[in-house]
């Protein structure tokens, strides 16, 4: 609870939803940093791919997922509502 009180005192004008998003970003950062090396080791040692090919596979999959997910959610929005805040 002391961390929550510290964050509230630090920037009281930032809404709770922004803090939740930032916490998700931190968890995502650490999770990706822990999983990525194991993916490369698995592709290299167990599947027999070279390290450059393993890196290319992982970066391609990451790029497709990180580009497709926001595009899919944006395609479901009403254009008028989406442009209202631009």
Protein backbone atom coordinates (compact mmCIF):
# COMPACT_ATOMS: atom_id res chain seq x y z
CA UNK A 1 0.00 0.00 0.00
CA UNK A 2 2.90 2.36 0.48
CA UNK A 3 3.68 2.28 -3.23
CA UNK A 4 0.10 3.27 -4.11
CA UNK A 5 0.23 6.13 -1.60
CA UNK A 6 3.59 7.27 -2.97
CA UNK A 7 2.29 7.29 -6.54
CA UNK A 8 -0.85 9.16 -5.53
CA UNK A 9 1.23 11.80 -3.74
CA UNK A 10 3.70 12.00 -6.61
CA UNK A 11 1.23 12.94 -9.35
CA UNK A 12 -2.28 13.34 -7.96
CA UNK A 13 -3.70 14.76 -11.21
CA UNK A 14 -2.99 11.64 -13.30
CA UNK A 15 -6.09 9.40 -13.59
CA UNK A 16 -6.07 5.85 -12.30
CA UNK A 17 -6.52 4.43 -15.80
CA UNK A 18 -3.20 5.95 -16.87
CA UNK A 19 -1.43 4.34 -13.91
CA UNK A 20 -2.96 0.97 -14.83
CA UNK A 21 -1.79 1.32 -18.43
CA UNK A 22 1.72 2.21 -17.30
CA UNK A 23 1.79 -0.75 -14.94
CA UNK A 24 0.78 -2.97 -17.84
CA UNK A 25 3.61 -1.53 -19.90
CA UNK A 26 6.13 -2.33 -17.17
CA UNK A 27 4.85 -5.91 -16.83
CA UNK A 28 4.95 -6.30 -20.61
CA UNK A 29 8.50 -4.95 -20.75
CA UNK A 30 9.78 -7.41 -18.16
CA UNK A 31 7.79 -10.31 -19.60
CA UNK A 32 9.11 -9.75 -23.10
CA UNK A 33 12.64 -9.36 -21.77
CA UNK A 34 12.40 -12.70 -20.00
CA UNK A 35 10.75 -14.65 -22.83
CA UNK A 36 12.73 -13.41 -25.83
CA UNK A 37 16.09 -15.01 -24.91
CA UNK A 38 14.41 -18.36 -24.28
CA UNK A 39 12.66 -18.17 -27.66
CA UNK A 40 15.97 -17.60 -29.38
CA UNK A 41 17.67 -20.43 -27.46
CA UNK A 42 14.80 -22.80 -28.27
CA UNK A 43 14.87 -21.97 -31.99
CA UNK A 44 18.65 -22.25 -32.12
CA UNK A 45 19.29 -25.32 -29.97
CA UNK A 46 16.17 -27.45 -30.40
CA UNK A 47 14.96 -26.51 -33.88
CA UNK A 48 18.38 -26.08 -35.47
CA UNK A 49 17.95 -22.57 -36.87
CA UNK A 50 20.97 -20.28 -36.95
CA UNK A 51 21.00 -17.29 -34.63
CA UNK A 52 20.39 -14.72 -37.42
CA UNK A 53 17.44 -16.76 -38.71
CA UNK A 54 16.10 -17.19 -35.17
CA UNK A 55 16.27 -13.46 -34.60
CA UNK A 56 14.54 -12.82 -37.91
CA UNK A 57 11.75 -15.26 -37.06
CA UNK A 58 11.15 -13.76 -33.62
CA UNK A 59 11.26 -10.17 -34.90
CA UNK A 60 8.90 -10.98 -37.77
CA UNK A 61 6.37 -12.62 -35.48
CA UNK A 62 6.66 -9.74 -33.01
CA UNK A 63 6.17 -7.18 -35.79
CA UNK A 64 3.14 -8.96 -37.23
CA UNK A 65 1.46 -9.31 -33.84
CA UNK A 66 2.22 -5.76 -32.73
CA UNK A 67 0.99 -4.37 -36.04
CA UNK A 68 -2.04 -6.59 -36.52
CA UNK A 69 -3.58 -6.27 -33.04
CA UNK A 70 -3.91 -2.43 -33.07
CA UNK A 71 -5.03 -2.46 -36.70
CA UNK A 72 -7.75 -4.98 -35.92
CA UNK A 73 -9.05 -2.98 -32.98
CA UNK A 74 -8.90 0.25 -35.01
CA UNK A 75 -10.85 -1.33 -37.87
CA UNK A 76 -13.72 -2.07 -35.50
CA UNK A 77 -14.14 1.60 -34.53
CA UNK A 78 -16.68 3.90 -36.08
CA UNK A 79 -14.70 6.36 -38.27
CA UNK A 80 -16.60 9.39 -36.99
CA UNK A 81 -15.94 8.44 -33.36
CA UNK A 82 -12.30 7.66 -34.06
CA UNK A 83 -11.68 11.02 -35.74
CA UNK A 84 -13.53 13.00 -33.10
CA UNK A 85 -10.48 13.04 -30.81
CA UNK A 86 -7.90 13.78 -33.51
